[in-house]
Amino acid sequence: MGFSVPKRRFKKAVDRNSLKRKMREAYRRHKHLLRSDGPKMDSMIIYQKSEILDYKEIEEIIILILKRLASQ
């Protein structure tokens, strides 16, 4: 799983790294939602919002993404 935050939207590396850290932590805590017996895949999540969300909002979005991936 890869995580990316565009430099075009967030000029400061501190902001980009903070968002990536939040996304990685949410994924780490909820990766069990993906089926381990399912097909193997490489995925990339790209942060598209123009404002900085707090961890709770990012976590909810990551959970939604993982549930959608698990159902495929």
N, C-alpha and C. Protein backbone atom coordinates (compact mmCIF):
# COMPACT_ATOMS: atom_id res chain seq x y z
N MET A 1 0.86 -1.16 0.00
CA MET A 1 0.00 0.00 0.00
C MET A 1 0.91 1.23 0.00
N GLY A 2 0.63 2.15 -0.87
CA GLY A 2 1.39 3.38 -0.94
C GLY A 2 0.49 4.58 -0.64
N PHE A 3 1.09 5.64 -0.13
CA PHE A 3 0.34 6.84 0.22
C PHE A 3 1.05 8.04 -0.38
N SER A 4 0.26 8.96 -0.94
CA SER A 4 0.84 10.13 -1.59
C SER A 4 0.01 11.37 -1.27
N VAL A 5 0.73 12.49 -1.07
CA VAL A 5 0.08 13.79 -0.87
C VAL A 5 0.76 14.75 -1.85
N PRO A 6 -0.01 15.34 -2.78
CA PRO A 6 0.59 16.17 -3.83
C PRO A 6 1.23 17.46 -3.30
N LYS A 7 2.38 17.74 -3.81
CA LYS A 7 3.10 18.96 -3.46
C LYS A 7 2.37 20.19 -3.98
N ARG A 8 1.61 20.01 -5.04
CA ARG A 8 0.86 21.12 -5.62
C ARG A 8 -0.17 21.69 -4.64
N ARG A 9 -0.78 20.81 -3.83
CA ARG A 9 -1.80 21.26 -2.88
C ARG A 9 -1.21 21.69 -1.54
N PHE A 10 -0.13 21.03 -1.12
CA PHE A 10 0.49 21.32 0.17
C PHE A 10 1.98 21.58 -0.05
N LYS A 11 2.34 22.85 -0.01
CA LYS A 11 3.72 23.24 -0.32
C LYS A 11 4.71 22.82 0.77
N LYS A 12 4.26 22.82 2.03
CA LYS A 12 5.17 22.52 3.13
C LYS A 12 5.29 21.02 3.34
N ALA A 13 6.53 20.54 3.39
CA ALA A 13 6.79 19.12 3.60
C ALA A 13 6.23 18.64 4.93
N VAL A 14 6.20 19.51 5.92
CA VAL A 14 5.67 19.16 7.23
C VAL A 14 4.21 18.74 7.11
N ASP A 15 3.44 19.48 6.33
CA ASP A 15 2.02 19.17 6.14
C ASP A 15 1.85 17.86 5.37
N ARG A 16 2.63 17.67 4.30
CA ARG A 16 2.54 16.44 3.51
C ARG A 16 2.91 15.23 4.35
N ASN A 17 3.98 15.33 5.11
CA ASN A 17 4.41 14.20 5.93
C ASN A 17 3.41 13.90 7.04
N SER A 18 2.82 14.91 7.60
CA SER A 18 1.83 14.71 8.65
C SER A 18 0.61 13.96 8.10
N LEU A 19 0.14 14.34 6.93
CA LEU A 19 -1.00 13.66 6.32
C LEU A 19 -0.66 12.22 5.97
N LYS A 20 0.53 11.99 5.42
CA LYS A 20 0.93 10.63 5.10
C LYS A 20 1.04 9.77 6.35
N ARG A 21 1.55 10.35 7.43
CA ARG A 21 1.66 9.62 8.70
C ARG A 21 0.28 9.22 9.21
N LYS A 22 -0.68 10.13 9.13
CA LYS A 22 -2.04 9.84 9.57
C LYS A 22 -2.67 8.73 8.71
N MET A 23 -2.46 8.79 7.40
CA MET A 23 -3.02 7.77 6.52
C MET A 23 -2.39 6.41 6.78
N ARG A 24 -1.07 6.37 6.96
CA ARG A 24 -0.39 5.10 7.24
C ARG A 24 -0.85 4.49 8.56
N GLU A 25 -1.03 5.33 9.58
CA GLU A 25 -1.47 4.83 10.88
C GLU A 25 -2.89 4.28 10.79
N ALA A 26 -3.78 4.97 10.10
CA ALA A 26 -5.15 4.48 9.94
C ALA A 26 -5.15 3.15 9.19
N TYR A 27 -4.32 3.04 8.16
CA TYR A 27 -4.22 1.78 7.42
C TYR A 27 -3.67 0.67 8.32
N ARG A 28 -2.64 0.96 9.07
CA ARG A 28 -2.02 -0.04 9.94
C ARG A 28 -3.04 -0.58 10.95
N ARG A 29 -3.85 0.30 11.50
CA ARG A 29 -4.82 -0.12 12.52
C ARG A 29 -6.00 -0.89 11.95
N HIS A 30 -6.28 -0.73 10.64
CA HIS A 30 -7.48 -1.34 10.07
C HIS A 30 -7.21 -2.24 8.87
N LYS A 31 -5.97 -2.62 8.63
CA LYS A 31 -5.67 -3.47 7.48
C LYS A 31 -6.26 -4.87 7.62
N HIS A 32 -6.69 -5.24 8.82
CA HIS A 32 -7.33 -6.54 9.01
C HIS A 32 -8.67 -6.62 8.27
N LEU A 33 -9.21 -5.49 7.85
CA LEU A 33 -10.48 -5.49 7.09
C LEU A 33 -10.31 -6.13 5.71
N LEU A 34 -9.09 -6.12 5.19
CA LEU A 34 -8.83 -6.77 3.91
C LEU A 34 -8.74 -8.27 4.14
N ARG A 35 -9.27 -9.03 3.22
CA ARG A 35 -9.20 -10.48 3.34
C ARG A 35 -7.78 -10.95 3.06
N SER A 36 -7.25 -11.78 3.91
CA SER A 36 -5.90 -12.29 3.70
C SER A 36 -5.88 -13.38 2.64
N ASP A 37 -7.02 -14.04 2.40
CA ASP A 37 -7.09 -15.09 1.40
C ASP A 37 -7.49 -14.55 0.03
N GLY A 38 -7.76 -13.27 -0.06
CA GLY A 38 -8.18 -12.66 -1.32
C GLY A 38 -7.01 -12.47 -2.28
N PRO A 39 -7.31 -11.94 -3.46
CA PRO A 39 -6.24 -11.72 -4.44
C PRO A 39 -5.25 -10.66 -3.95
N LYS A 40 -4.00 -10.86 -4.28
CA LYS A 40 -2.95 -9.91 -3.90
C LYS A 40 -2.98 -8.73 -4.87
N MET A 41 -2.82 -7.53 -4.33
CA MET A 41 -2.82 -6.35 -5.18
C MET A 41 -1.96 -5.26 -4.56
N ASP A 42 -1.44 -4.43 -5.41
CA ASP A 42 -0.73 -3.24 -4.97
C ASP A 42 -1.68 -2.06 -5.12
N SER A 43 -1.72 -1.20 -4.12
CA SER A 43 -2.65 -0.07 -4.15
C SER A 43 -1.93 1.20 -3.73
N MET A 44 -2.49 2.32 -4.17
CA MET A 44 -1.94 3.63 -3.84
C MET A 44 -3.11 4.54 -3.48
N ILE A 45 -3.00 5.20 -2.34
CA ILE A 45 -4.03 6.16 -1.93
C ILE A 45 -3.43 7.55 -2.06
N ILE A 46 -4.11 8.39 -2.83
CA ILE A 46 -3.64 9.75 -3.07
C ILE A 46 -4.60 10.72 -2.39
N TYR A 47 -4.07 11.57 -1.54
CA TYR A 47 -4.86 12.54 -0.79
C TYR A 47 -5.29 13.65 -1.74
N GLN A 48 -6.61 13.85 -1.93
CA GLN A 48 -7.11 14.82 -2.90
C GLN A 48 -7.76 16.05 -2.30
N LYS A 49 -8.03 16.05 -1.01
CA LYS A 49 -8.66 17.22 -0.37
C LYS A 49 -7.70 18.40 -0.40
N SER A 50 -8.25 19.60 -0.37
CA SER A 50 -7.41 20.79 -0.36
C SER A 50 -7.17 21.31 1.05
N GLU A 51 -7.91 20.76 2.03
CA GLU A 51 -7.67 21.16 3.42
C GLU A 51 -7.15 19.97 4.21
N ILE A 52 -6.52 20.25 5.32
CA ILE A 52 -5.95 19.21 6.17
C ILE A 52 -7.05 18.69 7.10
N LEU A 53 -7.34 17.40 6.97
CA LEU A 53 -8.35 16.77 7.83
C LEU A 53 -7.68 16.25 9.10
N ASP A 54 -8.46 16.11 10.16
CA ASP A 54 -7.90 15.53 11.37
C ASP A 54 -7.89 14.00 11.24
N TYR A 55 -7.23 13.34 12.17
CA TYR A 55 -7.02 11.90 12.09
C TYR A 55 -8.33 11.13 12.02
N LYS A 56 -9.31 11.52 12.79
CA LYS A 56 -10.59 10.79 12.85
C LYS A 56 -11.27 10.76 11.48
N GLU A 57 -11.26 11.87 10.78
CA GLU A 57 -11.88 11.93 9.45
C GLU A 57 -11.11 11.08 8.45
N ILE A 58 -9.77 11.14 8.52
CA ILE A 58 -8.94 10.33 7.63
C ILE A 58 -9.18 8.85 7.91
N GLU A 59 -9.28 8.50 9.18
CA GLU A 59 -9.50 7.10 9.56
C GLU A 59 -10.83 6.58 8.99
N GLU A 60 -11.88 7.37 9.06
CA GLU A 60 -13.17 6.96 8.51
C GLU A 60 -13.09 6.72 7.01
N ILE A 61 -12.37 7.56 6.30
CA ILE A 61 -12.22 7.41 4.85
C ILE A 61 -11.41 6.17 4.52
N ILE A 62 -10.33 5.93 5.26
CA ILE A 62 -9.49 4.75 5.04
C ILE A 62 -10.30 3.47 5.28
N ILE A 63 -11.12 3.45 6.33
CA ILE A 63 -11.97 2.29 6.62
C ILE A 63 -12.92 2.04 5.45
N LEU A 64 -13.52 3.09 4.93
CA LEU A 64 -14.43 2.96 3.78
C LEU A 64 -13.69 2.39 2.57
N ILE A 65 -12.50 2.87 2.31
CA ILE A 65 -11.70 2.38 1.18
C ILE A 65 -11.37 0.91 1.37
N LEU A 66 -10.94 0.52 2.56
CA LEU A 66 -10.57 -0.88 2.81
C LEU A 66 -11.78 -1.80 2.68
N LYS A 67 -12.93 -1.36 3.13
CA LYS A 67 -14.14 -2.17 3.00
C LYS A 67 -14.50 -2.36 1.52
N ARG A 68 -14.35 -1.31 0.73
CA ARG A 68 -14.64 -1.42 -0.70
C ARG A 68 -13.65 -2.35 -1.39
N LEU A 69 -12.38 -2.27 -1.01
CA LEU A 69 -11.38 -3.17 -1.60
C LEU A 69 -11.64 -4.62 -1.20
N ALA A 70 -12.07 -4.83 0.02
CA ALA A 70 -12.32 -6.19 0.50
C ALA A 70 -13.50 -6.82 -0.21
N SER A 71 -14.47 -6.03 -0.63
CA SER A 71 -15.66 -6.59 -1.28
C SER A 71 -15.42 -6.95 -2.73
N GLN A 72 -14.31 -6.54 -3.31
CA GLN A 72 -14.04 -6.84 -4.72
C GLN A 72 -13.44 -8.20 -4.92
